[in-house]
Structure formats: structure tokens, C-alpha cells
C-alpha atoms as a PDB file:
ATOM      1  CA  UNK A   1      42.394 -14.108 177.152  1.00  0.00           C
ATOM      2  CA  UNK A   2      44.905 -16.483 175.583  1.00  0.00           C
ATOM      3  CA  UNK A   3      44.894 -16.736 171.821  1.00  0.00           C
ATOM      4  CA  UNK A   4      45.340 -19.965 169.960  1.00  0.00           C
ATOM      5  CA  UNK A   5      48.099 -20.161 167.375  1.00  0.00           C
ATOM      6  CA  UNK A   6      47.200 -20.373 163.723  1.00  0.00           C
ATOM      7  CA  UNK A   7      48.323 -23.145 161.404  1.00  0.00           C
ATOM      8  CA  UNK A   8      48.880 -23.155 157.656  1.00  0.00           C
ATOM      9  CA  UNK A   9      48.575 -26.067 155.243  1.00  0.00           C
ATOM     10  CA  UNK A  10      50.147 -25.164 151.897  1.00  0.00           C
ATOM     11  CA  UNK A  11      48.835 -27.105 148.889  1.00  0.00           C
ATOM     12  CA  UNK A  12      50.623 -25.543 145.944  1.00  0.00           C
ATOM     13  CA  UNK A  13      53.121 -22.759 145.335  1.00  0.00           C
ATOM     14  CA  UNK A  14      53.245 -23.635 141.643  1.00  0.00           C
ATOM     15  CA  UNK A  15      50.830 -22.232 139.100  1.00  0.00           C
ATOM     16  CA  UNK A  16      48.003 -24.540 138.006  1.00  0.00           C
ATOM     17  CA  UNK A  17      46.388 -23.655 134.705  1.00  0.00           C
ATOM     18  CA  UNK A  18      42.879 -24.929 133.956  1.00  0.00           C
ATOM     19  CA  UNK A  19      42.129 -26.065 131.331  1.00  0.00           C
ATOM     20  CA  UNK A  20      45.646 -27.435 131.315  1.00  0.00           C
ATOM     21  CA  UNK A  21      46.756 -26.678 127.742  1.00  0.00           C
ATOM     22  CA  UNK A  22      45.820 -24.551 124.753  1.00  0.00           C
ATOM     23  CA  UNK A  23      42.850 -26.596 123.653  1.00  0.00           C
ATOM     24  CA  UNK A  24      39.109 -26.476 123.336  1.00  0.00           C
ATOM     25  CA  UNK A  25      38.480 -28.467 126.515  1.00  0.00           C
ATOM     26  CA  UNK A  26      35.456 -26.933 128.248  1.00  0.00           C
ATOM     27  CA  UNK A  27      35.859 -28.598 131.655  1.00  0.00           C
ATOM     28  CA  UNK A  28      38.930 -29.471 133.744  1.00  0.00           C
ATOM     29  CA  UNK A  29      39.716 -30.451 137.323  1.00  0.00           C
ATOM     30  CA  UNK A  30      42.675 -30.423 139.684  1.00  0.00           C
ATOM     31  CA  UNK A  31      42.679 -32.594 142.811  1.00  0.00           C
ATOM     32  CA  UNK A  32      44.700 -32.432 146.022  1.00  0.00           C
ATOM     33  CA  UNK A  33      44.350 -35.558 148.179  1.00  0.00           C
ATOM     34  CA  UNK A  34      45.587 -36.652 151.613  1.00  0.00           C
ATOM     35  CA  UNK A  35      45.583 -33.143 153.068  1.00  0.00           C
ATOM     36  CA  UNK A  36      46.218 -33.265 156.822  1.00  0.00           C
ATOM     37  CA  UNK A  37      45.340 -30.353 159.123  1.00  0.00           C
ATOM     38  CA  UNK A  38      46.027 -31.373 162.736  1.00  0.00           C
ATOM     39  CA  UNK A  39      43.726 -29.506 165.127  1.00  0.00           C
ATOM     40  CA  UNK A  40      41.422 -28.124 162.427  1.00  0.00           C
ATOM     41  CA  UNK A  41      38.289 -30.116 163.255  1.00  0.00           C
ATOM     42  CA  UNK A  42      36.499 -27.689 165.593  1.00  0.00           C
ATOM     43  CA  UNK A  43      37.780 -24.434 164.101  1.00  0.00           C
ATOM     44  CA  UNK A  44      36.807 -22.162 161.271  1.00  0.00           C
ATOM     45  CA  UNK A  45      39.333 -22.326 158.475  1.00  0.00           C
ATOM     46  CA  UNK A  46      40.050 -20.112 155.496  1.00  0.00           C
ATOM     47  CA  UNK A  47      40.981 -21.161 151.972  1.00  0.00           C
ATOM     48  CA  UNK A  48      43.304 -18.683 150.241  1.00  0.00           C
ATOM     49  CA  UNK A  49      44.482 -18.641 146.639  1.00  0.00           C
ATOM     50  CA  UNK A  50      45.681 -16.316 143.923  1.00  0.00           C
ATOM     51  CA  UNK A  51      44.145 -16.396 140.466  1.00  0.00           C
ATOM     52  CA  UNK A  52      44.713 -14.872 137.074  1.00  0.00           C
ATOM     53  CA  UNK A  53      41.826 -15.138 134.654  1.00  0.00           C
ATOM     54  CA  UNK A  54      42.141 -14.613 130.912  1.00  0.00           C
ATOM     55  CA  UNK A  55      38.693 -15.339 129.562  1.00  0.00           C
ATOM     56  CA  UNK A  56      35.299 -13.708 129.186  1.00  0.00           C
ATOM     57  CA  UNK A  57      33.722 -15.788 131.918  1.00  0.00           C
ATOM     58  CA  UNK A  58      34.603 -18.942 133.727  1.00  0.00           C
ATOM     59  CA  UNK A  59      32.796 -20.995 136.375  1.00  0.00           C
ATOM     60  CA  UNK A  60      34.939 -22.211 139.264  1.00  0.00           C
ATOM     61  CA  UNK A  61      33.831 -24.564 142.029  1.00  0.00           C
ATOM     62  CA  UNK A  62      36.028 -25.692 144.925  1.00  0.00           C
ATOM     63  CA  UNK A  63      34.913 -28.851 146.734  1.00  0.00           C
ATOM     64  CA  UNK A  64      36.420 -29.729 150.114  1.00  0.00           C
ATOM     65  CA  UNK A  65      35.575 -33.309 151.058  1.00  0.00           C
ATOM     66  CA  UNK A  66      32.767 -33.265 148.463  1.00  0.00           C
ATOM     67  CA  UNK A  67      31.197 -30.122 149.977  1.00  0.00           C
ATOM     68  CA  UNK A  68      31.075 -26.939 147.880  1.00  0.00           C
ATOM     69  CA  UNK A  69      33.109 -24.220 149.583  1.00  0.00           C
ATOM     70  CA  UNK A  70      33.514 -21.808 146.650  1.00  0.00           C
ATOM     71  CA  UNK A  71      31.223 -21.566 143.646  1.00  0.00           C
ATOM     72  CA  UNK A  72      31.334 -18.458 141.505  1.00  0.00           C
ATOM     73  CA  UNK A  73      31.780 -16.901 138.104  1.00  0.00           C
ATOM     74  CA  UNK A  74      35.034 -15.095 137.416  1.00  0.00           C
ATOM     75  CA  UNK A  75      34.865 -12.458 134.698  1.00  0.00           C
ATOM     76  CA  UNK A  76      37.655 -10.999 132.621  1.00  0.00           C
ATOM     77  CA  UNK A  77      37.877  -7.402 131.449  1.00  0.00           C
ATOM     78  CA  UNK A  78      39.689  -8.266 128.219  1.00  0.00           C
ATOM     79  CA  UNK A  79      43.184  -7.254 129.344  1.00  0.00           C
ATOM     80  CA  UNK A  80      45.592  -9.630 131.104  1.00  0.00           C
ATOM     81  CA  UNK A  81      45.744  -8.232 134.622  1.00  0.00           C
ATOM     82  CA  UNK A  82      47.904  -8.948 137.655  1.00  0.00           C
ATOM     83  CA  UNK A  83      46.959 -11.965 139.761  1.00  0.00           C
ATOM     84  CA  UNK A  84      44.299 -11.325 142.400  1.00  0.00           C
ATOM     85  CA  UNK A  85      43.834 -12.975 145.759  1.00  0.00           C
ATOM     86  CA  UNK A  86      40.697 -14.693 147.001  1.00  0.00           C
ATOM     87  CA  UNK A  87      39.692 -16.198 150.314  1.00  0.00           C
ATOM     88  CA  UNK A  88      36.694 -18.125 151.615  1.00  0.00           C
ATOM     89  CA  UNK A  89      35.800 -18.764 155.255  1.00  0.00           C
ATOM     90  CA  UNK A  90      34.932 -22.415 155.884  1.00  0.00           C
ATOM     91  CA  UNK A  91      32.708 -23.538 158.792  1.00  0.00           C
ATOM     92  CA  UNK A  92      34.134 -25.729 161.562  1.00  0.00           C
ATOM     93  CA  UNK A  93      34.239 -29.429 160.753  1.00  0.00           C
ATOM     94  CA  UNK A  94      34.524 -29.098 156.966  1.00  0.00           C
ATOM     95  CA  UNK A  95      38.340 -29.091 157.022  1.00  0.00           C
ATOM     96  CA  UNK A  96      39.060 -32.287 158.921  1.00  0.00           C
ATOM     97  CA  UNK A  97      42.208 -33.190 160.796  1.00  0.00           C
ATOM     98  CA  UNK A  98      43.116 -35.979 158.334  1.00  0.00           C
ATOM     99  CA  UNK A  99      42.519 -37.215 154.798  1.00  0.00           C
ATOM    100  CA  UNK A 100      41.002 -34.088 153.255  1.00  0.00           C
ATOM    101  CA  UNK A 101      40.471 -33.799 149.517  1.00  0.00           C
ATOM    102  CA  UNK A 102      40.230 -30.514 147.601  1.00  0.00           C
ATOM    103  CA  UNK A 103      38.834 -30.579 144.063  1.00  0.00           C
ATOM    104  CA  UNK A 104      38.976 -27.517 141.814  1.00  0.00           C
ATOM    105  CA  UNK A 105      36.462 -27.745 138.973  1.00  0.00           C
ATOM    106  CA  UNK A 106      36.585 -25.263 136.093  1.00  0.00           C
ATOM    107  CA  UNK A 107      34.048 -24.890 133.291  1.00  0.00           C
ATOM    108  CA  UNK A 108      34.570 -22.436 130.438  1.00  0.00           C
ATOM    109  CA  UNK A 109      32.131 -21.289 127.783  1.00  0.00           C
ATOM    110  CA  UNK A 110      32.365 -22.561 124.241  1.00  0.00           C
ATOM    111  CA  UNK A 111      32.694 -19.004 122.878  1.00  0.00           C
ATOM    112  CA  UNK A 112      36.486 -18.998 123.077  1.00  0.00           C
ATOM    113  CA  UNK A 113      38.390 -22.299 122.800  1.00  0.00           C
ATOM    114  CA  UNK A 114      41.470 -20.919 124.591  1.00  0.00           C
ATOM    115  CA  UNK A 115      39.957 -19.648 127.818  1.00  0.00           C
ATOM    116  CA  UNK A 116      41.921 -20.251 131.003  1.00  0.00           C
ATOM    117  CA  UNK A 117      42.357 -19.493 134.678  1.00  0.00           C
ATOM    118  CA  UNK A 118      45.624 -19.889 136.573  1.00  0.00           C
ATOM    119  CA  UNK A 119      45.648 -20.637 140.316  1.00  0.00           C
ATOM    120  CA  UNK A 120      48.667 -20.319 142.609  1.00  0.00           C
ATOM    121  CA  UNK A 121      49.601 -20.029 146.286  1.00  0.00           C
ATOM    122  CA  UNK A 122      46.750 -22.275 147.450  1.00  0.00           C
ATOM    123  CA  UNK A 123      46.629 -22.812 151.219  1.00  0.00           C
ATOM    124  CA  UNK A 124      44.392 -23.251 154.264  1.00  0.00           C
ATOM    125  CA  UNK A 125      44.727 -21.151 157.416  1.00  0.00           C
ATOM    126  CA  UNK A 126      43.094 -22.454 160.583  1.00  0.00           C
END
């Protein structure tokens, strides 16, 4: 049985902090537009990212082409820890071959005005 090669679409190697600055903003978003993934249409894909959370709780939602692909609460133990990795399997057809848009939406509680989450190494494998 022949195996198909895998492809990677890297979105960001740089760290993205949400909310962006030390402030009392309770909601923030980061958007990646015009993502092309030739050959992805009929395949499962996987979203990978690293995160470092420094807050009591934070709600994170990833939208791919306006469809929720990750929606969860991240909790923090109270001590700054090493970054962790996360992945989510995406059904065929959600990651299109052209013109994809990934939106990361972060909502923090109003208990601590300096809550944050930092994302890095965001990429799709398909």
C-alpha cells in the first residue's frame, strides 16, 4: 500500500500573546488570512500549536473558515510552567486548498486584569 506524503502549512513561529498587552482587556483575537493548503480538501488535517497560560482560567476558541475547531477552557496552576503542545484533528473539507482563515479568540475573566495566554509554533499538518 503506497502512503501519501504529508504537507505542513506553518502560520507562525513567533509568540502571539493574547490579550496583546498588560491591560484589562477581557477579549482579544488574532487572525491569519489567505492560508493555502494545496491538496488538503479531501483529507483530515491536524492543527498544532504550543501554548503557555498564565491565568486562572481562559476561554480559547479557534475558528477555521468560521467553523469552530477548538473550543476549551485552559486552566493555570498558579506557577508559570513550560509551554505545552496541543493538537486537534480536523475533518476533511474544513481546511480548504485555498483562502483559509484562522481566527483565535481569547476571553479572560474579570478577576485578574493581567491574564494572558501565549501561542507559538502554529501549523497545520495534512
